[in-house]
Amino acid sequence: MTNLKKIYAFIFLLTPIISYAGGSTYSRFGLGDIKRYGDSRLYAMSGTGIALIDDGFINGLNPAGMARIAYTRFSGGFEYNRFSSKDEKYSSSYSTGGFQGLSFAIPISTDNGIVLSMESSPFSTVNFATKFSRFDNVIGLTQNQNIYGSGGLSNLGLALSGSILNTLHIGGSFSYLYGRTQNYLTSSYESSNFVSAILDETIYYSGFRWTFGIIYEDIHALFNSPSLRNLSIGMTFSAGGRLNAEKQSIYSSIDSIFTNNGYAEIPMTIGFGLSYLMKNNYRILGDIYLENWNNAKQFESQSDYLRNSMRISVGFEKKPLRTADSYLSKLTYRLGAAYHSTYYKVNGVGIDEWIMSCGLGLPIGFETNLNLGLQIGIRGAIENKLQKDTILRFSAAISASEIWFLKFEEE
């Protein structure tokens, strides 16, 4: 067994823990923090790459971006998260780590851009702990509450790409979303005359979603402009739908269990992207994503804590020259920035996030890279009884190829 195949086997054994990668107190709303990964190459560019098509990575943002993959490709990584949160009175911090995702891509026909991929990755995460006290005017005592949340949804997906006339690439993916979120609440009064209350609420989710993507590379022909020869545009569309949801609530104070079956809506998502390659080794990327969360319902009720979401990001990548001889000159350098008006709306205020990112691509073998990425972000504010999150994320991932399923001519 080769070293690369040993890596495959090792990560497959650990895939059940992919879902738990961290979040913040805001993750108690909706389905939690929605993850946007795409690939370790895109991570250091703030998740930008809808219009990026290349043979060096599996594009998880746009299935059409796989059409240039020439060899069986694998990608898997680890992510470390650290959140430092504060409000008007208190501050806290915590950190988590876990596997980012796992994906394989197998070329079926390189002439026609037909590539099949399989993916297992987090879709959302819930991870928070908060406590507060308030004075109950009715009984004249202080009530103490502790709330904990954990879990999230995972994504299992299949994707297929194809090329038309070598300049128009299309792709589609079909995903199964599943997982659970759990909220655990304890409530007590500063008097032995009142019984403490405990609520353990778990929601199980499952359902399907499909995505369509397209990338067009012949822009210069449309406008008869040679300067646009290395410009490509991309678009993705993810259909809205419903996830089956089963809520189980356990009230320890009255020793009762209640079950409620319903649904949770996933909104339609549409994204647009640009990719421009200068002098064959400088790439500039730009994306915009729009998600219609404002009308999404959960158990037939519309949430007051959700709003429409928009994400704008840019990325830059300096690729090494083919004539590079020293190891440092063979590195790939990446930068990125993003603005995200998240789907959270708390106390009537929308929660916005700003991200800066950077990273390196380190060659460690034939068609094999160790991709390192760092993201630093700020989310929310301390005004209006909210909290401000300072976010640090670090990713280390392997992206590799092997020559499988290729036919060789007999002499």
Protein backbone atom coordinates (compact mmCIF):
# COMPACT_ATOMS: atom_id res chain seq x y z
CA MET A 1 0.00 0.00 0.00
CA THR A 2 1.38 3.41 -1.01
CA ASN A 3 1.67 6.27 1.47
CA LEU A 4 -1.12 8.13 -0.32
CA LYS A 5 -3.47 5.17 -0.04
CA LYS A 6 -2.67 4.92 3.65
CA ILE A 7 -3.78 8.55 4.00
CA TYR A 8 -7.05 7.69 2.22
CA ALA A 9 -7.76 4.81 4.59
CA PHE A 10 -6.86 6.80 7.71
CA ILE A 11 -9.16 9.70 6.87
CA PHE A 12 -12.06 7.43 5.94
CA LEU A 13 -11.94 5.98 9.45
CA LEU A 14 -12.31 9.46 10.91
CA THR A 15 -15.04 10.89 8.66
CA PRO A 16 -17.87 10.46 11.24
CA ILE A 17 -16.48 13.39 13.29
CA ILE A 18 -16.42 15.83 10.37
CA SER A 19 -19.58 17.63 11.47
CA TYR A 20 -18.20 19.12 14.65
CA ALA A 21 -15.96 22.05 13.74
CA GLY A 22 -17.04 24.91 16.01
CA GLY A 23 -19.17 28.05 15.92
CA SER A 24 -20.30 30.89 18.19
CA THR A 25 -23.33 31.92 20.22
CA TYR A 26 -24.94 33.13 17.00
CA SER A 27 -24.94 29.50 15.88
CA ARG A 28 -27.97 28.84 18.12
CA PHE A 29 -30.18 30.36 15.41
CA GLY A 30 -31.40 28.68 12.23
CA LEU A 31 -29.31 25.66 11.24
CA GLY A 32 -26.15 27.09 12.84
CA ASP A 33 -23.08 28.50 11.12
CA ILE A 34 -23.32 27.60 7.44
CA LYS A 35 -19.95 26.35 6.23
CA ARG A 36 -18.36 27.50 2.96
CA TYR A 37 -15.27 25.50 2.19
CA GLY A 38 -14.96 24.60 -1.50
CA ASP A 39 -11.40 23.24 -1.33
CA SER A 40 -8.15 23.81 0.54
CA ARG A 41 -6.87 25.86 -2.41
CA LEU A 42 -9.81 28.27 -2.12
CA TYR A 43 -9.67 28.48 1.67
CA ALA A 44 -6.74 30.91 1.70
CA MET A 45 -8.61 33.07 -0.85
CA SER A 46 -11.60 33.50 1.50
CA GLY A 47 -13.57 30.78 -0.27
CA THR A 48 -13.54 32.47 -3.69
CA GLY A 49 -13.65 30.33 -6.84
CA ILE A 50 -17.03 29.94 -8.58
CA ALA A 51 -15.39 30.60 -11.97
CA LEU A 52 -12.13 28.74 -11.33
CA ILE A 53 -11.47 25.69 -13.50
CA ASP A 54 -8.14 23.87 -13.28
CA ASP A 55 -6.74 20.36 -13.12
CA GLY A 56 -5.11 20.99 -9.74
CA PHE A 57 -8.08 20.81 -7.40
CA ILE A 58 -11.68 19.64 -6.83
CA ASN A 59 -13.96 22.68 -7.02
CA GLY A 60 -16.58 22.15 -4.32
CA LEU A 61 -18.21 25.52 -5.03
CA ASN A 62 -19.06 24.82 -8.67
CA PRO A 63 -19.25 21.25 -10.07
CA ALA A 64 -18.46 22.60 -13.55
CA GLY A 65 -14.98 23.48 -12.25
CA MET A 66 -13.95 19.81 -12.20
CA ALA A 67 -13.98 19.40 -15.99
CA ARG A 68 -10.19 19.84 -16.38
CA ILE A 69 -9.17 17.15 -13.87
CA ALA A 70 -6.95 14.66 -15.71
CA TYR A 71 -6.01 12.24 -12.89
CA THR A 72 -7.85 10.69 -9.98
CA ARG A 73 -7.74 13.39 -7.33
CA PHE A 74 -8.11 13.41 -3.55
CA SER A 75 -8.49 16.23 -1.04
CA GLY A 76 -8.82 16.10 2.74
CA GLY A 77 -7.93 18.48 5.53
CA PHE A 78 -8.06 19.63 9.13
CA GLU A 79 -9.32 22.95 10.48
CA TYR A 80 -8.65 24.70 13.79
CA ASN A 81 -11.09 27.38 15.01
CA ARG A 82 -10.70 29.91 17.81
CA PHE A 83 -13.49 32.30 18.79
CA SER A 84 -13.01 35.21 21.19
CA SER A 85 -16.38 36.72 22.08
CA LYS A 86 -17.36 39.68 24.20
CA ASP A 87 -20.42 41.76 25.04
CA GLU A 88 -20.90 44.90 27.13
CA LYS A 89 -19.86 43.12 30.35
CA TYR A 90 -18.13 39.83 29.74
CA SER A 91 -15.71 38.08 27.40
CA SER A 92 -14.77 34.48 26.72
CA SER A 93 -12.90 32.34 24.21
CA TYR A 94 -12.85 28.75 23.07
CA SER A 95 -11.27 26.67 20.36
CA THR A 96 -12.14 23.51 18.47
CA GLY A 97 -10.62 21.39 15.77
CA GLY A 98 -11.78 18.71 13.37
CA PHE A 99 -11.64 17.36 9.85
CA GLN A 100 -12.75 19.82 7.21
CA GLY A 101 -13.99 17.45 4.58
CA LEU A 102 -13.05 14.65 2.25
CA SER A 103 -13.50 14.47 -1.52
CA PHE A 104 -12.48 12.27 -4.46
CA ALA A 105 -12.69 13.03 -8.17
CA ILE A 106 -12.35 10.42 -10.91
CA PRO A 107 -11.98 11.43 -14.60
CA ILE A 108 -14.24 9.35 -16.86
CA SER A 109 -13.40 11.07 -20.17
CA THR A 110 -10.73 13.77 -20.25
CA ASP A 111 -11.65 14.69 -23.86
CA ASN A 112 -15.21 15.54 -22.84
CA GLY A 113 -14.45 16.86 -19.35
CA ILE A 114 -16.53 14.14 -17.71
CA VAL A 115 -15.46 13.84 -14.08
CA LEU A 116 -17.28 12.12 -11.21
CA SER A 117 -16.68 13.26 -7.63
CA MET A 118 -17.75 12.19 -4.14
CA GLU A 119 -17.71 14.45 -1.10
CA SER A 120 -18.27 14.30 2.65
CA SER A 121 -18.14 17.65 4.44
CA PRO A 122 -19.82 19.78 7.11
CA PHE A 123 -22.81 21.83 6.00
CA SER A 124 -23.41 23.69 9.28
CA THR A 125 -22.17 23.68 12.87
CA VAL A 126 -23.69 24.53 16.23
CA ASN A 127 -21.36 25.01 19.18
CA PHE A 128 -22.02 27.53 21.95
CA ALA A 129 -22.36 27.96 25.69
CA THR A 130 -23.90 30.96 27.40
CA LYS A 131 -25.32 31.87 30.76
CA PHE A 132 -27.25 34.81 32.12
CA SER A 133 -29.28 35.95 35.13
CA ARG A 134 -32.43 38.02 35.32
CA PHE A 135 -34.68 39.20 38.13
CA ASP A 136 -38.17 37.71 38.04
CA ASN A 137 -40.53 40.48 39.14
CA VAL A 138 -43.41 38.07 39.63
CA ILE A 139 -41.82 36.00 42.39
CA GLY A 140 -39.13 38.47 43.44
CA LEU A 141 -36.16 36.15 42.88
CA THR A 142 -33.17 35.99 40.50
CA GLN A 143 -33.36 33.32 37.82
CA ASN A 144 -30.11 31.77 36.52
CA GLN A 145 -30.01 30.10 33.10
CA ASN A 146 -27.31 28.11 31.33
CA ILE A 147 -27.73 27.21 27.65
CA TYR A 148 -25.49 24.86 25.67
CA GLY A 149 -25.65 23.96 22.00
CA SER A 150 -23.85 21.42 19.84
CA GLY A 151 -24.11 19.42 16.62
CA GLY A 152 -24.71 20.44 13.03
CA LEU A 153 -25.51 19.09 9.61
CA SER A 154 -23.26 17.11 7.28
CA ASN A 155 -23.24 16.82 3.51
CA LEU A 156 -22.78 13.68 1.41
CA GLY A 157 -22.63 14.55 -2.26
CA LEU A 158 -22.12 13.22 -5.77
CA ALA A 159 -21.15 15.56 -8.61
CA LEU A 160 -20.64 15.18 -12.35
CA SER A 161 -19.09 17.59 -14.87
CA GLY A 162 -18.86 17.79 -18.66
CA SER A 163 -17.46 20.11 -21.36
CA ILE A 164 -19.01 21.47 -24.54
CA LEU A 165 -16.66 22.72 -27.32
CA ASN A 166 -13.83 22.93 -24.72
CA THR A 167 -14.95 26.41 -23.62
CA LEU A 168 -18.32 25.78 -21.99
CA HIS A 169 -18.34 23.56 -18.91
CA ILE A 170 -21.39 22.38 -16.99
CA GLY A 171 -21.86 20.35 -13.85
CA GLY A 172 -24.40 19.19 -11.33
CA SER A 173 -24.33 17.80 -7.82
CA PHE A 174 -26.82 15.93 -5.68
CA SER A 175 -26.43 16.18 -1.91
CA TYR A 176 -27.89 14.40 1.08
CA LEU A 177 -27.99 16.64 4.15
CA TYR A 178 -28.34 15.06 7.56
CA GLY A 179 -27.47 15.59 11.21
CA ARG A 180 -28.80 16.90 14.48
CA THR A 181 -28.62 19.99 16.65
CA GLN A 182 -29.00 19.92 20.42
CA ASN A 183 -29.90 22.66 22.89
CA TYR A 184 -29.55 21.97 26.60
CA LEU A 185 -31.02 24.49 29.06
CA THR A 186 -30.93 24.56 32.86
CA SER A 187 -32.93 27.09 34.86
CA SER A 188 -32.79 27.62 38.62
CA TYR A 189 -33.79 30.16 41.27
CA GLU A 190 -31.83 31.28 44.29
CA SER A 191 -34.22 29.51 46.63
CA SER A 192 -34.69 25.87 47.58
CA ASN A 193 -38.46 26.35 47.39
CA PHE A 194 -38.29 26.29 43.59
CA VAL A 195 -37.37 23.20 41.58
CA SER A 196 -34.67 23.53 38.93
CA ALA A 197 -35.83 22.96 35.36
CA ILE A 198 -33.88 21.18 32.63
CA LEU A 199 -34.80 21.14 28.94
CA ASP A 200 -32.95 18.89 26.52
CA GLU A 201 -34.10 19.63 22.94
CA THR A 202 -32.75 17.70 19.96
CA ILE A 203 -33.73 18.18 16.30
CA TYR A 204 -32.88 15.52 13.70
CA TYR A 205 -32.65 16.69 10.08
CA SER A 206 -32.48 14.84 6.75
CA GLY A 207 -33.17 15.74 3.13
CA PHE A 208 -31.80 16.29 -0.36
CA ARG A 209 -30.56 19.24 -2.39
CA TRP A 210 -29.24 19.69 -5.92
CA THR A 211 -26.90 22.27 -7.48
CA PHE A 212 -26.22 23.24 -11.09
CA GLY A 213 -23.07 25.06 -12.24
CA ILE A 214 -21.62 26.51 -15.41
CA ILE A 215 -18.26 28.06 -16.43
CA TYR A 216 -17.64 29.83 -19.74
CA GLU A 217 -14.09 30.57 -20.95
CA ASP A 218 -14.63 32.11 -24.40
CA ILE A 219 -15.42 35.66 -23.28
CA HIS A 220 -12.79 37.20 -25.56
CA ALA A 221 -14.56 35.78 -28.64
CA LEU A 222 -17.90 37.30 -27.63
CA PHE A 223 -16.40 40.79 -27.35
CA ASN A 224 -13.63 40.32 -29.94
CA SER A 225 -11.09 41.38 -27.31
CA PRO A 226 -7.78 39.45 -27.04
CA SER A 227 -7.14 41.03 -23.63
CA LEU A 228 -10.03 38.97 -22.22
CA ARG A 229 -8.57 35.67 -23.45
CA ASN A 230 -7.85 34.41 -19.91
CA LEU A 231 -11.12 35.61 -18.39
CA SER A 232 -13.80 33.10 -17.36
CA ILE A 233 -17.21 33.57 -15.77
CA GLY A 234 -19.13 31.14 -13.62
CA MET A 235 -22.56 30.68 -12.10
CA THR A 236 -24.08 28.27 -9.61
CA PHE A 237 -27.67 27.67 -8.62
CA SER A 238 -28.80 25.58 -5.65
CA ALA A 239 -32.49 24.79 -5.43
CA GLY A 240 -34.44 25.46 -2.29
CA GLY A 241 -36.21 22.64 -0.53
CA ARG A 242 -37.34 21.12 2.72
CA LEU A 243 -35.50 18.96 5.21
CA ASN A 244 -37.46 16.50 7.29
CA ALA A 245 -37.15 17.56 10.94
CA GLU A 246 -38.02 15.66 14.10
CA LYS A 247 -37.85 17.54 17.39
CA GLN A 248 -37.55 15.69 20.68
CA SER A 249 -37.96 17.73 23.88
CA ILE A 250 -37.22 16.26 27.29
CA TYR A 251 -38.46 18.19 30.35
CA SER A 252 -36.84 16.73 33.46
CA SER A 253 -38.88 18.84 35.91
CA ILE A 254 -42.11 17.14 34.81
CA ASP A 255 -40.48 13.92 33.61
CA SER A 256 -41.99 14.19 30.13
CA ILE A 257 -40.88 13.69 26.53
CA PHE A 258 -42.55 15.42 23.59
CA THR A 259 -41.96 14.69 19.90
CA ASN A 260 -42.85 17.00 17.03
CA ASN A 261 -42.45 16.13 13.34
CA GLY A 262 -42.14 18.90 10.76
CA TYR A 263 -39.71 20.41 8.30
CA ALA A 264 -36.98 23.02 7.95
CA GLU A 265 -36.65 24.99 4.74
CA ILE A 266 -33.39 25.44 2.82
CA PRO A 267 -33.52 28.54 0.59
CA MET A 268 -32.56 28.99 -3.03
CA THR A 269 -28.94 30.08 -3.50
CA ILE A 270 -27.41 31.74 -6.54
CA GLY A 271 -23.77 32.69 -7.07
CA PHE A 272 -21.71 34.46 -9.74
CA GLY A 273 -17.94 34.50 -10.20
CA LEU A 274 -15.07 35.82 -12.32
CA SER A 275 -11.56 34.42 -12.81
CA TYR A 276 -8.73 36.16 -14.69
CA LEU A 277 -5.25 34.78 -15.27
CA MET A 278 -2.46 37.27 -16.01
CA LYS A 279 0.89 36.26 -17.50
CA ASN A 280 0.07 32.61 -16.77
CA ASN A 281 0.89 32.85 -13.06
CA TYR A 282 -1.19 35.64 -11.48
CA ARG A 283 -4.86 34.85 -10.89
CA ILE A 284 -7.56 37.25 -9.66
CA LEU A 285 -10.95 35.94 -8.51
CA GLY A 286 -14.24 37.50 -7.45
CA ASP A 287 -17.53 35.96 -6.21
CA ILE A 288 -20.95 37.04 -5.01
CA TYR A 289 -23.50 34.76 -3.30
CA LEU A 290 -27.15 35.51 -2.56
CA GLU A 291 -29.34 33.39 -0.26
CA ASN A 292 -33.05 33.93 0.43
CA TRP A 293 -33.31 33.03 4.14
CA ASN A 294 -35.82 35.73 5.07
CA ASN A 295 -38.86 33.56 4.32
CA ALA A 296 -37.39 30.21 5.41
CA LYS A 297 -39.62 28.40 7.89
CA GLN A 298 -38.88 25.83 10.54
CA PHE A 299 -41.76 23.72 11.86
CA GLU A 300 -44.17 25.93 9.85
CA SER A 301 -42.99 29.07 11.65
CA GLN A 302 -40.97 31.92 10.19
CA SER A 303 -38.04 32.91 12.38
CA ASP A 304 -37.52 36.48 13.54
CA TYR A 305 -33.77 35.76 13.71
CA LEU A 306 -33.14 35.11 10.01
CA ARG A 307 -32.70 37.48 7.05
CA ASN A 308 -31.51 37.30 3.45
CA SER A 309 -27.78 36.71 3.17
CA MET A 310 -25.15 38.07 0.78
CA ARG A 311 -21.47 37.21 0.53
CA ILE A 312 -18.90 39.11 -1.57
CA SER A 313 -15.31 37.86 -1.78
CA VAL A 314 -12.12 38.40 -3.77
CA GLY A 315 -9.02 36.25 -4.08
CA PHE A 316 -5.49 36.45 -5.46
CA GLU A 317 -3.11 33.62 -6.30
CA LYS A 318 0.49 33.72 -7.50
CA LYS A 319 1.32 30.44 -9.19
CA PRO A 320 4.93 29.29 -9.64
CA LEU A 321 6.56 29.48 -13.05
CA ARG A 322 7.14 26.19 -14.87
CA THR A 323 10.85 27.06 -15.01
CA ALA A 324 11.14 27.48 -11.23
CA ASP A 325 14.14 25.61 -9.86
CA SER A 326 14.42 26.44 -6.12
CA TYR A 327 11.83 25.17 -3.63
CA LEU A 328 10.76 28.67 -2.53
CA SER A 329 10.08 29.66 -6.12
CA LYS A 330 7.81 26.61 -6.48
CA LEU A 331 5.45 27.76 -3.71
CA THR A 332 1.99 29.14 -4.45
CA TYR A 333 1.00 32.33 -2.58
CA ARG A 334 -2.64 33.22 -1.89
CA LEU A 335 -4.60 36.16 -0.42
CA GLY A 336 -8.28 36.87 0.01
CA ALA A 337 -10.95 39.06 1.63
CA ALA A 338 -14.70 38.70 2.13
CA TYR A 339 -17.70 40.60 3.40
CA HIS A 340 -20.63 38.49 4.59
CA SER A 341 -24.01 39.79 5.66
CA THR A 342 -24.88 36.57 7.48
CA TYR A 343 -28.39 35.16 7.71
CA TYR A 344 -28.52 36.07 11.42
CA LYS A 345 -30.69 38.93 12.65
CA VAL A 346 -30.65 39.42 16.43
CA ASN A 347 -32.55 42.11 18.34
CA GLY A 348 -33.58 43.48 14.96
CA VAL A 349 -29.93 44.00 13.92
CA GLY A 350 -28.26 42.14 11.07
CA ILE A 351 -25.01 40.37 11.94
CA ASP A 352 -22.18 41.11 9.50
CA GLU A 353 -18.80 39.42 9.14
CA TRP A 354 -15.49 40.61 7.63
CA ILE A 355 -12.70 38.17 6.73
CA MET A 356 -9.07 38.49 5.64
CA SER A 357 -7.11 35.43 4.56
CA CYS A 358 -3.74 34.23 3.31
CA GLY A 359 -1.98 30.95 2.64
CA LEU A 360 0.62 28.86 0.89
CA GLY A 361 0.63 25.87 -1.42
CA LEU A 362 3.66 23.66 -0.70
CA PRO A 363 4.57 20.98 -3.26
CA ILE A 364 5.42 17.69 -1.53
CA GLY A 365 5.35 15.25 -4.45
CA PHE A 366 3.98 14.56 -7.92
CA GLU A 367 0.71 16.50 -8.26
CA THR A 368 0.59 16.64 -4.45
CA ASN A 369 0.41 19.79 -2.34
CA LEU A 370 0.10 20.70 1.30
CA ASN A 371 -2.20 23.71 1.35
CA LEU A 372 -2.05 25.99 4.39
CA GLY A 373 -4.64 28.70 4.97
CA LEU A 374 -5.27 31.31 7.65
CA GLN A 375 -8.48 33.31 8.07
CA ILE A 376 -8.99 36.18 10.50
CA GLY A 377 -12.45 37.69 10.89
CA ILE A 378 -14.74 39.90 12.94
CA ARG A 379 -18.47 39.27 13.33
CA GLY A 380 -21.16 41.29 15.08
CA ALA A 381 -20.79 44.19 17.52
CA ILE A 382 -21.21 44.81 21.25
CA GLU A 383 -23.92 47.45 20.80
CA ASN A 384 -27.67 46.65 21.06
CA LYS A 385 -27.02 43.89 23.62
CA LEU A 386 -25.17 41.80 21.02
CA GLN A 387 -21.75 40.19 21.04
CA LYS A 388 -18.64 40.66 18.94
CA ASP A 389 -16.72 37.61 17.72
CA THR A 390 -13.07 37.70 16.76
CA ILE A 391 -12.43 34.62 14.65
CA LEU A 392 -9.21 32.77 13.88
CA ARG A 393 -9.30 29.78 11.54
CA PHE A 394 -6.38 27.68 10.32
CA SER A 395 -6.51 24.96 7.70
CA ALA A 396 -3.96 22.31 6.73
CA ALA A 397 -4.97 20.01 3.89
CA ILE A 398 -3.55 17.53 1.43
CA SER A 399 -4.49 17.74 -2.25
CA ALA A 400 -3.07 14.92 -4.35
CA SER A 401 -3.42 12.95 -7.59
CA GLU A 402 -2.77 9.37 -8.62
CA ILE A 403 -2.89 7.75 -12.05
CA TRP A 404 -5.87 5.40 -11.78
CA PHE A 405 -8.23 3.95 -14.40
CA LEU A 406 -6.15 5.19 -17.34
CA LYS A 407 -5.84 3.07 -20.49
CA PHE A 408 -2.43 2.64 -22.13
CA GLU A 409 -1.92 1.65 -25.75
CA GLU A 410 -0.31 -1.72 -26.34
CA GLU A 411 2.86 -1.77 -28.45
